């Protein structure tokens, strides 16, 4: 079965025809370095945030982690330094906007669901319980505001995968955190259009796959 991540699917839906072909190509040939680099680019920030939540650290601890990355960036090659500085920025922005929030961190989960012969891999950045509700969250760290279509697909994918796998997660408990702007995006009440967009995109990916 064809396999793609929920972020890859979201990028496909938001992209034009040429960029869509590139998205499919990258997932058909995953051994190439570029997709792997995109997947792990913000790993330092995500790991710091998970540890911050899991261990109930003070917000000052996040600031310290950001400074450690900045210090490391001064003694490594420029390409690595750029990534470390971006991760430091992401950590500082999370601390500024969301450092005071409290939640119980649950076990990391890897989920999937299938549409039109395409397996959509879903890995939330945070699986947690807040106010007695189990919730799934994805982080967006980009300096530019994320496309609303991307946000809808990410939220919908988490909800659908949770439902297929028998998790008790409501649609309103699947969210995307736009860290730089301090915004939380949740699944719209009427999300039938997003489901239709995902179904159409997966059919298109299935058609494109053999010829990429």
Protein backbone atom coordinates (compact mmCIF):
# COMPACT_ATOMS: atom_id res chain seq x y z
CA UNK A 1 0.00 0.00 0.00
CA UNK A 2 1.13 3.56 -0.73
CA UNK A 3 2.31 5.30 2.43
CA UNK A 4 2.47 9.02 3.18
CA UNK A 5 2.62 11.11 6.36
CA UNK A 6 -0.25 13.38 7.36
CA UNK A 7 2.04 16.40 6.83
CA UNK A 8 2.93 15.12 3.37
CA UNK A 9 -0.75 14.73 2.57
CA UNK A 10 -1.45 18.24 3.86
CA UNK A 11 1.34 19.68 1.70
CA UNK A 12 -0.01 17.78 -1.31
CA UNK A 13 -3.51 19.21 -0.87
CA UNK A 14 -2.20 22.77 -0.47
CA UNK A 15 0.24 22.54 -3.41
CA UNK A 16 -0.01 23.16 -7.14
CA UNK A 17 0.40 20.36 -9.73
CA UNK A 18 4.20 20.58 -10.02
CA UNK A 19 4.74 20.64 -6.26
CA UNK A 20 2.25 17.81 -5.81
CA UNK A 21 4.34 15.61 -8.07
CA UNK A 22 7.43 16.41 -5.97
CA UNK A 23 5.60 15.47 -2.76
CA UNK A 24 4.62 12.09 -4.22
CA UNK A 25 8.16 11.55 -5.54
CA UNK A 26 9.68 12.21 -2.11
CA UNK A 27 7.45 9.64 -0.45
CA UNK A 28 7.89 7.05 -3.17
CA UNK A 29 11.68 7.30 -2.78
CA UNK A 30 12.08 7.92 0.99
CA UNK A 31 15.76 6.94 1.11
CA UNK A 32 16.72 10.25 -0.42
CA UNK A 33 18.03 12.69 2.23
CA UNK A 34 15.69 15.65 1.71
CA UNK A 35 12.47 14.10 3.13
CA UNK A 36 14.37 12.71 6.11
CA UNK A 37 15.88 16.13 6.83
CA UNK A 38 12.45 17.78 6.66
CA UNK A 39 11.02 15.23 9.08
CA UNK A 40 13.72 15.73 11.73
CA UNK A 41 14.40 19.45 11.35
CA UNK A 42 12.67 20.52 14.59
CA UNK A 43 13.52 17.41 16.61
CA UNK A 44 15.46 19.38 19.26
CA UNK A 45 12.53 21.70 19.92
CA UNK A 46 10.00 18.86 20.04
CA UNK A 47 12.15 16.81 22.40
CA UNK A 48 12.65 19.79 24.71
CA UNK A 49 8.92 20.54 24.82
CA UNK A 50 8.03 16.91 25.56
CA UNK A 51 10.57 16.77 28.39
CA UNK A 52 9.38 20.13 29.71
CA UNK A 53 5.84 18.80 29.94
CA UNK A 54 6.63 15.25 31.06
CA UNK A 55 8.88 16.41 33.91
CA UNK A 56 6.89 19.53 34.87
CA UNK A 57 9.92 21.77 34.41
CA UNK A 58 9.72 25.55 34.95
CA UNK A 59 9.52 27.81 31.91
CA UNK A 60 13.04 29.02 32.67
CA UNK A 61 14.28 25.52 31.86
CA UNK A 62 13.01 25.91 28.28
CA UNK A 63 14.87 29.20 27.94
CA UNK A 64 18.03 27.44 29.14
CA UNK A 65 17.60 24.70 26.53
CA UNK A 66 17.25 27.32 23.82
CA UNK A 67 20.47 28.99 24.98
CA UNK A 68 22.29 25.64 24.93
CA UNK A 69 21.30 25.16 21.30
CA UNK A 70 22.44 28.68 20.45
CA UNK A 71 25.80 27.98 22.08
CA UNK A 72 26.18 24.72 20.16
CA UNK A 73 25.37 26.56 16.94
CA UNK A 74 28.51 28.66 17.32
CA UNK A 75 30.86 25.66 17.06
CA UNK A 76 29.28 23.52 14.29
CA UNK A 77 29.13 23.80 10.47
CA UNK A 78 26.80 26.48 9.11
CA UNK A 79 24.07 24.11 7.89
CA UNK A 80 23.77 22.48 11.31
CA UNK A 81 24.06 25.85 13.03
CA UNK A 82 21.09 27.20 11.07
CA UNK A 83 18.93 24.27 12.19
CA UNK A 84 20.00 24.64 15.83
CA UNK A 85 19.21 28.36 15.79
CA UNK A 86 15.77 27.67 14.34
CA UNK A 87 15.11 25.11 17.05
CA UNK A 88 16.24 27.59 19.70
CA UNK A 89 13.84 30.15 18.26
CA UNK A 90 11.00 27.60 18.34
CA UNK A 91 11.67 26.75 21.99
CA UNK A 92 11.73 30.41 23.02
CA UNK A 93 8.45 31.07 21.20
CA UNK A 94 6.81 28.07 22.83
CA UNK A 95 8.00 29.25 26.23
CA UNK A 96 6.63 32.74 25.58
CA UNK A 97 3.18 31.65 24.39
CA UNK A 98 2.52 28.33 26.10
CA UNK A 99 4.99 27.91 28.95
CA UNK A 100 2.32 28.35 31.61
CA UNK A 101 -0.01 25.61 30.34
CA UNK A 102 -0.28 22.44 32.39
CA UNK A 103 -0.99 18.92 31.07
CA UNK A 104 -0.35 15.26 31.84
CA UNK A 105 1.87 13.73 29.15
CA UNK A 106 0.77 10.32 27.86
CA UNK A 107 2.69 7.71 25.89
CA UNK A 108 3.83 8.68 22.37
CA UNK A 109 1.67 7.04 19.72
CA UNK A 110 2.03 6.22 16.03
CA UNK A 111 -1.27 5.81 14.21
CA UNK A 112 -2.48 5.40 10.64
CA UNK A 113 -5.63 5.25 8.58
CA UNK A 114 -6.24 4.30 4.96
CA UNK A 115 -8.07 6.14 2.17
CA UNK A 116 -8.30 5.04 -1.47
CA UNK A 117 -5.29 2.74 -1.25
CA UNK A 118 -3.14 5.31 0.62
CA UNK A 119 -1.99 4.70 4.19
CA UNK A 120 -1.76 8.00 6.04
CA UNK A 121 0.78 7.85 8.87
CA UNK A 122 -0.16 9.97 11.87
CA UNK A 123 2.31 10.82 14.62
CA UNK A 124 1.12 13.57 16.96
CA UNK A 125 3.88 15.64 18.55
CA UNK A 126 2.08 15.54 21.88
CA UNK A 127 -0.32 12.97 23.34
CA UNK A 128 -1.64 14.32 26.61
CA UNK A 129 -4.50 14.64 29.07
CA UNK A 130 -5.87 18.00 30.03
CA UNK A 131 -9.02 18.67 32.09
CA UNK A 132 -9.72 14.92 32.06
CA UNK A 133 -9.73 14.81 28.25
CA UNK A 134 -7.31 12.82 26.11
CA UNK A 135 -5.88 15.07 23.41
CA UNK A 136 -3.56 15.02 20.39
CA UNK A 137 -1.47 17.96 19.23
CA UNK A 138 0.80 18.80 16.34
CA UNK A 139 3.36 21.64 16.38
CA UNK A 140 3.99 24.10 13.56
CA UNK A 141 7.19 26.11 14.00
CA UNK A 142 7.57 27.85 10.62
CA UNK A 143 8.19 31.58 10.56
CA UNK A 144 5.41 31.99 7.95
CA UNK A 145 1.81 31.41 8.96
CA UNK A 146 0.69 27.89 7.98
CA UNK A 147 -1.84 27.41 5.18
CA UNK A 148 -5.34 26.90 6.59
CA UNK A 149 -5.73 23.83 4.35
CA UNK A 150 -2.67 22.28 5.99
CA UNK A 151 -4.08 22.96 9.45
CA UNK A 152 -7.43 21.36 8.56
CA UNK A 153 -5.82 18.24 7.12
CA UNK A 154 -3.52 17.77 10.12
CA UNK A 155 -6.41 18.05 12.59
CA UNK A 156 -8.66 15.80 10.51
CA UNK A 157 -5.96 13.17 10.09
CA UNK A 158 -5.34 12.96 13.83
CA UNK A 159 -9.05 12.64 14.53
CA UNK A 160 -9.67 9.98 11.87
CA UNK A 161 -6.63 7.92 12.86
CA UNK A 162 -7.62 8.11 16.53
CA UNK A 163 -11.15 6.93 15.71
CA UNK A 164 -9.95 4.04 13.52
CA UNK A 165 -7.58 2.91 16.27
CA UNK A 166 -10.23 3.05 18.99
CA UNK A 167 -8.93 6.04 20.98
CA UNK A 168 -11.44 8.10 22.88
CA UNK A 169 -10.42 11.41 21.32
CA UNK A 170 -13.11 13.87 20.25
CA UNK A 171 -12.70 16.07 17.18
CA UNK A 172 -12.29 19.19 19.33
CA UNK A 173 -9.38 17.51 21.12
CA UNK A 174 -7.24 17.31 17.97
CA UNK A 175 -5.30 20.53 17.46
CA UNK A 176 -2.35 22.18 15.77
CA UNK A 177 -0.22 24.63 17.71
CA UNK A 178 1.06 27.51 15.57
CA UNK A 179 3.92 28.23 17.95
CA UNK A 180 5.41 31.46 16.53
CA UNK A 181 2.04 33.23 16.50
CA UNK A 182 0.69 31.66 19.68
CA UNK A 183 -2.42 30.26 18.01
CA UNK A 184 -4.23 26.97 18.59
CA UNK A 185 -6.18 25.58 15.62
CA UNK A 186 -8.86 22.93 16.14
CA UNK A 187 -11.02 20.90 13.82
CA UNK A 188 -14.02 22.79 12.53
CA UNK A 189 -17.43 21.49 13.53
CA UNK A 190 -18.42 20.97 9.91
CA UNK A 191 -15.44 19.10 8.53
CA UNK A 192 -17.12 17.17 5.71
CA UNK A 193 -15.33 19.31 3.13
CA UNK A 194 -11.93 18.41 4.56
CA UNK A 195 -12.83 14.71 4.43
CA UNK A 196 -13.81 15.10 0.77
CA UNK A 197 -10.54 16.91 0.02
CA UNK A 198 -8.55 14.10 1.64
CA UNK A 199 -10.46 11.41 -0.26
CA UNK A 200 -9.92 13.22 -3.59
CA UNK A 201 -6.23 13.79 -2.84
CA UNK A 202 -5.63 10.13 -1.97
CA UNK A 203 -7.30 9.03 -5.20
CA UNK A 204 -5.05 11.42 -7.13
CA UNK A 205 -1.94 10.14 -5.31
CA UNK A 206 -2.91 6.56 -6.17
CA UNK A 207 -3.23 7.54 -9.83
CA UNK A 208 0.08 9.43 -9.88
CA UNK A 209 2.14 6.89 -7.95
CA UNK A 210 2.99 4.41 -10.76
CA UNK A 211 4.26 7.14 -13.08
CA UNK A 212 6.40 9.18 -10.68
